[in-house]
Amino acid sequence: MPNETWEIVETADALRRAVARRVTAHGVTRSQWRVLARISKEPGLRQVDLAERLDMEPIVLCRIVDKLEESGFVERQRDPADRRAWRLVLTAKAAPVIEELHAVAAELAAEAFAGMTPSQIEQMRSALATVRDNVAEGGRNRKALGA
């Protein structure tokens, strides 16, 4: 594995572990946090679409949503266009948890990027976005470049 790929994978793993440690102190798992965060960004998302966005098996997501629903953080609503589908929305009870989790994320970001200038952080974000796009496109950019 090239050093660049290794560094990105190791960094992602370290960030995942740090997130998991911090969010469990707030009563949710890392997976639950991912679900809550995505629903807060895209309220009313269909459960099947959420599974796809999170790269999660639908049955695994269903179990996570079940637990979040039991906790009173998420509500399933019938999709008016498809009776078989569920749309997911956060409840009022989830609002303070979402605020806490945003604070946790901001704190972690401050620690992770300590010593970096805003310009360096923006360059890194841009470079990582390019990497994600290249991987998501299945190497289409390589073909365009004649590689």
N, C-alpha and C. Protein backbone atom coordinates (compact mmCIF):
# COMPACT_ATOMS: atom_id res chain seq x y z
N MET A 1 0.86 -1.18 0.00
CA MET A 1 0.00 0.00 0.00
C MET A 1 0.90 1.23 0.00
N PRO A 2 0.72 2.15 -0.95
CA PRO A 2 1.53 3.36 -0.98
C PRO A 2 1.39 4.14 0.33
N ASN A 3 2.46 4.85 0.70
CA ASN A 3 2.47 5.59 1.97
C ASN A 3 1.31 6.56 2.10
N GLU A 4 0.92 7.23 1.01
CA GLU A 4 -0.18 8.20 1.08
C GLU A 4 -1.48 7.51 1.49
N THR A 5 -1.75 6.37 0.87
CA THR A 5 -2.96 5.63 1.19
C THR A 5 -2.91 5.15 2.64
N TRP A 6 -1.77 4.64 3.06
CA TRP A 6 -1.59 4.18 4.43
C TRP A 6 -1.88 5.31 5.42
N GLU A 7 -1.34 6.48 5.16
CA GLU A 7 -1.55 7.62 6.07
C GLU A 7 -3.02 8.00 6.17
N ILE A 8 -3.71 8.00 5.04
CA ILE A 8 -5.13 8.37 5.05
C ILE A 8 -5.93 7.32 5.82
N VAL A 9 -5.67 6.04 5.56
CA VAL A 9 -6.40 4.97 6.25
C VAL A 9 -6.13 5.01 7.75
N GLU A 10 -4.88 5.16 8.14
CA GLU A 10 -4.53 5.22 9.57
C GLU A 10 -5.16 6.44 10.25
N THR A 11 -5.18 7.57 9.56
CA THR A 11 -5.79 8.77 10.11
C THR A 11 -7.29 8.60 10.27
N ALA A 12 -7.93 8.03 9.26
CA ALA A 12 -9.38 7.78 9.34
C ALA A 12 -9.69 6.84 10.50
N ASP A 13 -8.88 5.80 10.67
CA ASP A 13 -9.11 4.86 11.78
C ASP A 13 -8.93 5.56 13.13
N ALA A 14 -7.91 6.39 13.25
CA ALA A 14 -7.68 7.11 14.51
C ALA A 14 -8.84 8.05 14.81
N LEU A 15 -9.33 8.73 13.80
CA LEU A 15 -10.48 9.63 14.00
C LEU A 15 -11.73 8.85 14.37
N ARG A 16 -11.95 7.70 13.74
CA ARG A 16 -13.11 6.86 14.07
C ARG A 16 -13.05 6.42 15.53
N ARG A 17 -11.87 5.98 15.97
CA ARG A 17 -11.73 5.55 17.37
C ARG A 17 -11.97 6.71 18.32
N ALA A 18 -11.46 7.89 17.99
CA ALA A 18 -11.64 9.07 18.85
C ALA A 18 -13.12 9.45 18.93
N VAL A 19 -13.80 9.42 17.80
CA VAL A 19 -15.23 9.72 17.79
C VAL A 19 -15.98 8.71 18.64
N ALA A 20 -15.68 7.43 18.47
CA ALA A 20 -16.38 6.38 19.22
C ALA A 20 -16.22 6.58 20.72
N ARG A 21 -14.99 6.88 21.16
CA ARG A 21 -14.76 7.11 22.59
C ARG A 21 -15.58 8.28 23.11
N ARG A 22 -15.64 9.33 22.34
CA ARG A 22 -16.31 10.55 22.82
C ARG A 22 -17.83 10.47 22.77
N VAL A 23 -18.38 9.87 21.73
CA VAL A 23 -19.84 9.86 21.63
C VAL A 23 -20.48 8.87 22.60
N THR A 24 -19.76 7.80 22.94
CA THR A 24 -20.33 6.85 23.90
C THR A 24 -20.55 7.51 25.25
N ALA A 25 -19.77 8.51 25.58
CA ALA A 25 -19.96 9.26 26.83
C ALA A 25 -21.28 10.03 26.80
N HIS A 26 -21.87 10.18 25.62
CA HIS A 26 -23.14 10.90 25.47
C HIS A 26 -24.30 9.95 25.20
N GLY A 27 -24.05 8.66 25.41
CA GLY A 27 -25.13 7.68 25.35
C GLY A 27 -25.48 7.16 23.97
N VAL A 28 -24.62 7.37 22.98
CA VAL A 28 -24.88 6.82 21.65
C VAL A 28 -23.62 6.14 21.14
N THR A 29 -23.81 5.21 20.23
CA THR A 29 -22.66 4.57 19.58
C THR A 29 -22.22 5.42 18.40
N ARG A 30 -21.05 5.10 17.86
CA ARG A 30 -20.57 5.83 16.68
C ARG A 30 -21.52 5.64 15.51
N SER A 31 -22.04 4.43 15.35
CA SER A 31 -23.00 4.18 14.26
C SER A 31 -24.28 4.98 14.45
N GLN A 32 -24.76 5.04 15.69
CA GLN A 32 -25.95 5.84 15.96
C GLN A 32 -25.68 7.31 15.68
N TRP A 33 -24.49 7.77 16.05
CA TRP A 33 -24.11 9.16 15.80
C TRP A 33 -24.12 9.45 14.31
N ARG A 34 -23.59 8.53 13.51
CA ARG A 34 -23.58 8.72 12.05
C ARG A 34 -24.99 8.85 11.52
N VAL A 35 -25.89 8.00 12.02
CA VAL A 35 -27.28 8.03 11.57
C VAL A 35 -27.93 9.35 11.98
N LEU A 36 -27.78 9.73 13.24
CA LEU A 36 -28.37 10.99 13.71
C LEU A 36 -27.82 12.19 12.93
N ALA A 37 -26.52 12.19 12.70
CA ALA A 37 -25.90 13.31 11.98
C ALA A 37 -26.45 13.41 10.56
N ARG A 38 -26.57 12.29 9.88
CA ARG A 38 -27.06 12.31 8.49
C ARG A 38 -28.53 12.74 8.44
N ILE A 39 -29.34 12.23 9.37
CA ILE A 39 -30.76 12.62 9.38
C ILE A 39 -30.89 14.10 9.71
N SER A 40 -30.01 14.62 10.56
CA SER A 40 -30.09 16.05 10.88
C SER A 40 -29.75 16.90 9.66
N LYS A 41 -28.89 16.38 8.79
CA LYS A 41 -28.53 17.09 7.55
C LYS A 41 -29.57 16.89 6.46
N GLU A 42 -30.22 15.73 6.46
CA GLU A 42 -31.19 15.39 5.42
C GLU A 42 -32.47 14.83 6.04
N PRO A 43 -33.24 15.68 6.74
CA PRO A 43 -34.46 15.18 7.36
C PRO A 43 -35.44 14.63 6.32
N GLY A 44 -36.11 13.55 6.69
CA GLY A 44 -37.08 12.96 5.79
C GLY A 44 -36.48 12.00 4.79
N LEU A 45 -35.21 11.68 4.96
CA LEU A 45 -34.52 10.75 4.07
C LEU A 45 -35.16 9.36 4.20
N ARG A 46 -35.33 8.70 3.07
CA ARG A 46 -35.86 7.33 3.12
C ARG A 46 -34.82 6.41 3.74
N GLN A 47 -35.29 5.43 4.48
CA GLN A 47 -34.38 4.53 5.18
C GLN A 47 -33.43 3.84 4.20
N VAL A 48 -33.92 3.42 3.07
CA VAL A 48 -33.08 2.74 2.08
C VAL A 48 -32.00 3.69 1.53
N ASP A 49 -32.34 4.96 1.35
CA ASP A 49 -31.37 5.94 0.86
C ASP A 49 -30.31 6.24 1.92
N LEU A 50 -30.75 6.26 3.17
CA LEU A 50 -29.80 6.49 4.27
C LEU A 50 -28.80 5.34 4.33
N ALA A 51 -29.26 4.11 4.19
CA ALA A 51 -28.35 2.96 4.21
C ALA A 51 -27.31 3.09 3.10
N GLU A 52 -27.75 3.52 1.94
CA GLU A 52 -26.82 3.69 0.82
C GLU A 52 -25.80 4.79 1.10
N ARG A 53 -26.26 5.92 1.61
CA ARG A 53 -25.34 7.03 1.89
C ARG A 53 -24.31 6.68 2.96
N LEU A 54 -24.72 5.86 3.92
CA LEU A 54 -23.81 5.47 5.00
C LEU A 54 -23.02 4.21 4.67
N ASP A 55 -23.25 3.65 3.46
CA ASP A 55 -22.58 2.42 3.03
C ASP A 55 -22.79 1.33 4.09
N MET A 56 -24.06 1.14 4.41
CA MET A 56 -24.45 0.22 5.47
C MET A 56 -25.50 -0.75 4.93
N GLU A 57 -25.44 -1.98 5.34
CA GLU A 57 -26.47 -2.93 4.94
C GLU A 57 -27.82 -2.47 5.50
N PRO A 58 -28.89 -2.55 4.72
CA PRO A 58 -30.20 -2.09 5.20
C PRO A 58 -30.64 -2.73 6.51
N ILE A 59 -30.35 -4.02 6.71
CA ILE A 59 -30.76 -4.68 7.94
C ILE A 59 -29.99 -4.13 9.14
N VAL A 60 -28.73 -3.80 8.94
CA VAL A 60 -27.92 -3.22 10.02
C VAL A 60 -28.47 -1.84 10.37
N LEU A 61 -28.76 -1.04 9.35
CA LEU A 61 -29.34 0.28 9.59
C LEU A 61 -30.68 0.15 10.30
N CYS A 62 -31.49 -0.82 9.89
CA CYS A 62 -32.80 -1.02 10.49
C CYS A 62 -32.67 -1.23 12.00
N ARG A 63 -31.70 -2.02 12.41
CA ARG A 63 -31.49 -2.28 13.84
C ARG A 63 -31.07 -1.01 14.58
N ILE A 64 -30.22 -0.21 13.94
CA ILE A 64 -29.79 1.04 14.56
C ILE A 64 -30.97 1.99 14.69
N VAL A 65 -31.76 2.10 13.64
CA VAL A 65 -32.94 2.98 13.67
C VAL A 65 -33.94 2.47 14.72
N ASP A 66 -34.08 1.16 14.83
CA ASP A 66 -34.96 0.60 15.86
C ASP A 66 -34.56 1.12 17.24
N LYS A 67 -33.26 1.06 17.54
CA LYS A 67 -32.77 1.51 18.85
C LYS A 67 -32.96 3.01 19.04
N LEU A 68 -32.70 3.77 17.97
CA LEU A 68 -32.88 5.22 18.06
C LEU A 68 -34.36 5.57 18.24
N GLU A 69 -35.22 4.79 17.60
CA GLU A 69 -36.66 5.01 17.74
C GLU A 69 -37.10 4.65 19.16
N GLU A 70 -36.60 3.54 19.70
CA GLU A 70 -36.92 3.14 21.08
C GLU A 70 -36.46 4.21 22.08
N SER A 71 -35.33 4.86 21.77
CA SER A 71 -34.81 5.92 22.65
C SER A 71 -35.57 7.23 22.49
N GLY A 72 -36.41 7.29 21.47
CA GLY A 72 -37.19 8.50 21.24
C GLY A 72 -36.48 9.58 20.44
N PHE A 73 -35.39 9.21 19.75
CA PHE A 73 -34.62 10.20 18.98
C PHE A 73 -35.03 10.29 17.52
N VAL A 74 -35.59 9.20 17.00
CA VAL A 74 -35.94 9.13 15.58
C VAL A 74 -37.38 8.64 15.45
N GLU A 75 -38.03 9.15 14.44
CA GLU A 75 -39.39 8.69 14.14
C GLU A 75 -39.44 8.26 12.68
N ARG A 76 -40.07 7.10 12.46
CA ARG A 76 -40.30 6.64 11.09
C ARG A 76 -41.66 7.17 10.65
N GLN A 77 -41.66 7.73 9.47
CA GLN A 77 -42.92 8.22 8.90
C GLN A 77 -43.11 7.55 7.54
N ARG A 78 -44.33 7.13 7.27
CA ARG A 78 -44.61 6.51 5.97
C ARG A 78 -44.31 7.48 4.85
N ASP A 79 -43.73 6.95 3.79
CA ASP A 79 -43.47 7.74 2.60
C ASP A 79 -44.78 7.85 1.83
N PRO A 80 -45.32 9.05 1.61
CA PRO A 80 -46.60 9.17 0.92
C PRO A 80 -46.55 8.65 -0.52
N ALA A 81 -45.36 8.62 -1.11
CA ALA A 81 -45.24 8.17 -2.49
C ALA A 81 -45.03 6.65 -2.59
N ASP A 82 -44.66 6.00 -1.48
CA ASP A 82 -44.38 4.57 -1.50
C ASP A 82 -44.71 4.00 -0.12
N ARG A 83 -45.82 3.31 -0.01
CA ARG A 83 -46.27 2.80 1.28
C ARG A 83 -45.29 1.82 1.92
N ARG A 84 -44.41 1.22 1.12
CA ARG A 84 -43.45 0.27 1.67
C ARG A 84 -42.25 0.96 2.29
N ALA A 85 -42.05 2.23 1.98
CA ALA A 85 -40.85 2.94 2.42
C ALA A 85 -41.12 3.78 3.66
N TRP A 86 -40.05 3.99 4.42
CA TRP A 86 -40.11 4.84 5.62
C TRP A 86 -39.20 6.04 5.42
N ARG A 87 -39.67 7.18 5.87
CA ARG A 87 -38.84 8.40 5.92
C ARG A 87 -38.47 8.62 7.37
N LEU A 88 -37.25 9.07 7.59
CA LEU A 88 -36.75 9.22 8.95
C LEU A 88 -36.61 10.69 9.32
N VAL A 89 -37.10 11.02 10.49
CA VAL A 89 -36.98 12.38 11.01
C VAL A 89 -36.55 12.32 12.47
N LEU A 90 -35.87 13.36 12.90
CA LEU A 90 -35.47 13.45 14.30
C LEU A 90 -36.64 13.97 15.11
N THR A 91 -36.70 13.57 16.34
CA THR A 91 -37.72 14.07 17.25
C THR A 91 -37.17 15.26 18.02
N ALA A 92 -38.03 15.93 18.74
CA ALA A 92 -37.59 17.06 19.57
C ALA A 92 -36.61 16.57 20.64
N LYS A 93 -36.79 15.35 21.11
CA LYS A 93 -35.89 14.79 22.12
C LYS A 93 -34.45 14.67 21.60
N ALA A 94 -34.28 14.54 20.29
CA ALA A 94 -32.95 14.38 19.71
C ALA A 94 -32.18 15.70 19.65
N ALA A 95 -32.88 16.82 19.66
CA ALA A 95 -32.22 18.12 19.47
C ALA A 95 -31.06 18.37 20.45
N PRO A 96 -31.25 18.17 21.77
CA PRO A 96 -30.12 18.42 22.67
C PRO A 96 -28.97 17.45 22.45
N VAL A 97 -29.28 16.21 22.07
CA VAL A 97 -28.23 15.23 21.80
C VAL A 97 -27.44 15.65 20.57
N ILE A 98 -28.14 16.11 19.54
CA ILE A 98 -27.47 16.58 18.33
C ILE A 98 -26.55 17.76 18.66
N GLU A 99 -27.02 18.68 19.49
CA GLU A 99 -26.18 19.82 19.89
C GLU A 99 -24.93 19.34 20.62
N GLU A 100 -25.09 18.39 21.54
CA GLU A 100 -23.94 17.83 22.26
C GLU A 100 -22.97 17.19 21.29
N LEU A 101 -23.49 16.43 20.33
CA LEU A 101 -22.62 15.74 19.38
C LEU A 101 -21.91 16.71 18.45
N HIS A 102 -22.57 17.82 18.10
CA HIS A 102 -21.89 18.86 17.31
C HIS A 102 -20.74 19.45 18.13
N ALA A 103 -20.98 19.67 19.42
CA ALA A 103 -19.92 20.20 20.29
C ALA A 103 -18.76 19.22 20.40
N VAL A 104 -19.07 17.93 20.50
CA VAL A 104 -18.03 16.90 20.55
C VAL A 104 -17.21 16.93 19.26
N ALA A 105 -17.90 17.01 18.13
CA ALA A 105 -17.21 17.05 16.83
C ALA A 105 -16.32 18.28 16.71
N ALA A 106 -16.81 19.43 17.18
CA ALA A 106 -16.02 20.67 17.12
C ALA A 106 -14.79 20.57 18.01
N GLU A 107 -14.97 19.99 19.19
CA GLU A 107 -13.84 19.80 20.11
C GLU A 107 -12.80 18.87 19.52
N LEU A 108 -13.24 17.78 18.93
CA LEU A 108 -12.32 16.83 18.31
C LEU A 108 -11.60 17.48 17.14
N ALA A 109 -12.32 18.25 16.33
CA ALA A 109 -11.69 18.93 15.19
C ALA A 109 -10.62 19.90 15.68
N ALA A 110 -10.92 20.64 16.74
CA ALA A 110 -9.94 21.59 17.28
C ALA A 110 -8.67 20.86 17.72
N GLU A 111 -8.84 19.71 18.37
CA GLU A 111 -7.67 18.92 18.79
C GLU A 111 -6.94 18.33 17.59
N ALA A 112 -7.69 17.77 16.67
CA ALA A 112 -7.08 17.09 15.52
C ALA A 112 -6.30 18.07 14.64
N PHE A 113 -6.79 19.27 14.49
CA PHE A 113 -6.17 20.23 13.58
C PHE A 113 -5.33 21.28 14.31
N ALA A 114 -5.04 21.05 15.58
CA ALA A 114 -4.21 21.98 16.35
C ALA A 114 -2.86 22.14 15.66
N GLY A 115 -2.40 23.37 15.58
CA GLY A 115 -1.12 23.65 14.96
C GLY A 115 -1.20 23.87 13.46
N MET A 116 -2.37 23.74 12.89
CA MET A 116 -2.55 23.96 11.46
C MET A 116 -3.24 25.31 11.25
N THR A 117 -2.85 25.99 10.20
CA THR A 117 -3.49 27.26 9.87
C THR A 117 -4.81 26.98 9.15
N PRO A 118 -5.72 27.94 9.16
CA PRO A 118 -6.95 27.76 8.40
C PRO A 118 -6.68 27.43 6.93
N SER A 119 -5.66 28.02 6.36
CA SER A 119 -5.31 27.75 4.96
C SER A 119 -4.87 26.29 4.78
N GLN A 120 -4.08 25.78 5.69
CA GLN A 120 -3.65 24.38 5.61
C GLN A 120 -4.83 23.44 5.75
N ILE A 121 -5.74 23.78 6.66
CA ILE A 121 -6.92 22.94 6.85
C ILE A 121 -7.77 22.93 5.59
N GLU A 122 -7.95 24.09 4.97
CA GLU A 122 -8.75 24.16 3.74
C GLU A 122 -8.07 23.40 2.60
N GLN A 123 -6.76 23.49 2.49
CA GLN A 123 -6.03 22.73 1.46
C GLN A 123 -6.21 21.23 1.68
N MET A 124 -6.14 20.81 2.93
CA MET A 124 -6.31 19.40 3.24
C MET A 124 -7.73 18.94 2.90
N ARG A 125 -8.72 19.73 3.28
CA ARG A 125 -10.11 19.38 2.97
C ARG A 125 -10.30 19.25 1.47
N SER A 126 -9.74 20.17 0.71
CA SER A 126 -9.86 20.13 -0.74
C SER A 126 -9.18 18.89 -1.32
N ALA A 127 -8.00 18.60 -0.82
CA ALA A 127 -7.27 17.42 -1.31
C ALA A 127 -8.02 16.14 -0.98
N LEU A 128 -8.55 16.04 0.24
CA LEU A 128 -9.30 14.84 0.62
C LEU A 128 -10.58 14.71 -0.19
N ALA A 129 -11.22 15.83 -0.50
CA ALA A 129 -12.42 15.79 -1.34
C ALA A 129 -12.08 15.24 -2.73
N THR A 130 -10.94 15.65 -3.25
CA THR A 130 -10.50 15.14 -4.55
C THR A 130 -10.25 13.64 -4.48
N VAL A 131 -9.60 13.19 -3.42
CA VAL A 131 -9.36 11.75 -3.24
C VAL A 131 -10.68 11.00 -3.19
N ARG A 132 -11.64 11.50 -2.41
CA ARG A 132 -12.96 10.84 -2.33
C ARG A 132 -13.62 10.79 -3.69
N ASP A 133 -13.58 11.91 -4.41
CA ASP A 133 -14.20 11.94 -5.74
C ASP A 133 -13.53 10.95 -6.68
N ASN A 134 -12.22 10.89 -6.64
CA ASN A 134 -11.49 9.97 -7.51
C ASN A 134 -11.85 8.52 -7.21
N VAL A 135 -11.94 8.19 -5.95
CA VAL A 135 -12.28 6.82 -5.57
C VAL A 135 -13.74 6.52 -5.91
N ALA A 136 -14.62 7.47 -5.62
CA ALA A 136 -16.05 7.27 -5.89
C ALA A 136 -16.33 7.13 -7.37
N GLU A 137 -15.55 7.77 -8.19
CA GLU A 137 -15.76 7.72 -9.63
C GLU A 137 -15.13 6.49 -10.25
N GLY A 138 -14.54 5.64 -9.43
CA GLY A 138 -13.96 4.41 -9.95
C GLY A 138 -12.81 4.63 -10.90
N GLY A 139 -12.06 5.67 -10.67
CA GLY A 139 -10.90 5.91 -11.50
C GLY A 139 -11.20 6.60 -12.81
N ARG A 140 -12.41 7.15 -12.96
CA ARG A 140 -12.76 7.81 -14.22
C ARG A 140 -11.76 8.92 -14.56
N ASN A 141 -11.26 9.60 -13.52
CA ASN A 141 -10.29 10.66 -13.78
C ASN A 141 -8.99 10.11 -14.35
N ARG A 142 -8.60 8.92 -13.93
CA ARG A 142 -7.38 8.32 -14.49
C ARG A 142 -7.54 8.09 -15.99
N LYS A 143 -8.71 7.64 -16.38
CA LYS A 143 -8.95 7.39 -17.80
C LYS A 143 -8.92 8.70 -18.59
N ALA A 144 -9.48 9.74 -18.00
CA ALA A 144 -9.50 11.04 -18.67
C ALA A 144 -8.08 11.58 -18.84
N LEU A 145 -7.19 11.20 -17.90
CA LEU A 145 -5.82 11.68 -17.98
C LEU A 145 -4.95 10.78 -18.86
N GLY A 146 -5.55 9.70 -19.37
CA GLY A 146 -4.80 8.81 -20.24
C GLY A 146 -3.94 7.80 -19.52
N ALA A 147 -4.19 7.62 -18.22
CA ALA A 147 -3.39 6.68 -17.43
C ALA A 147 -3.85 5.26 -17.63
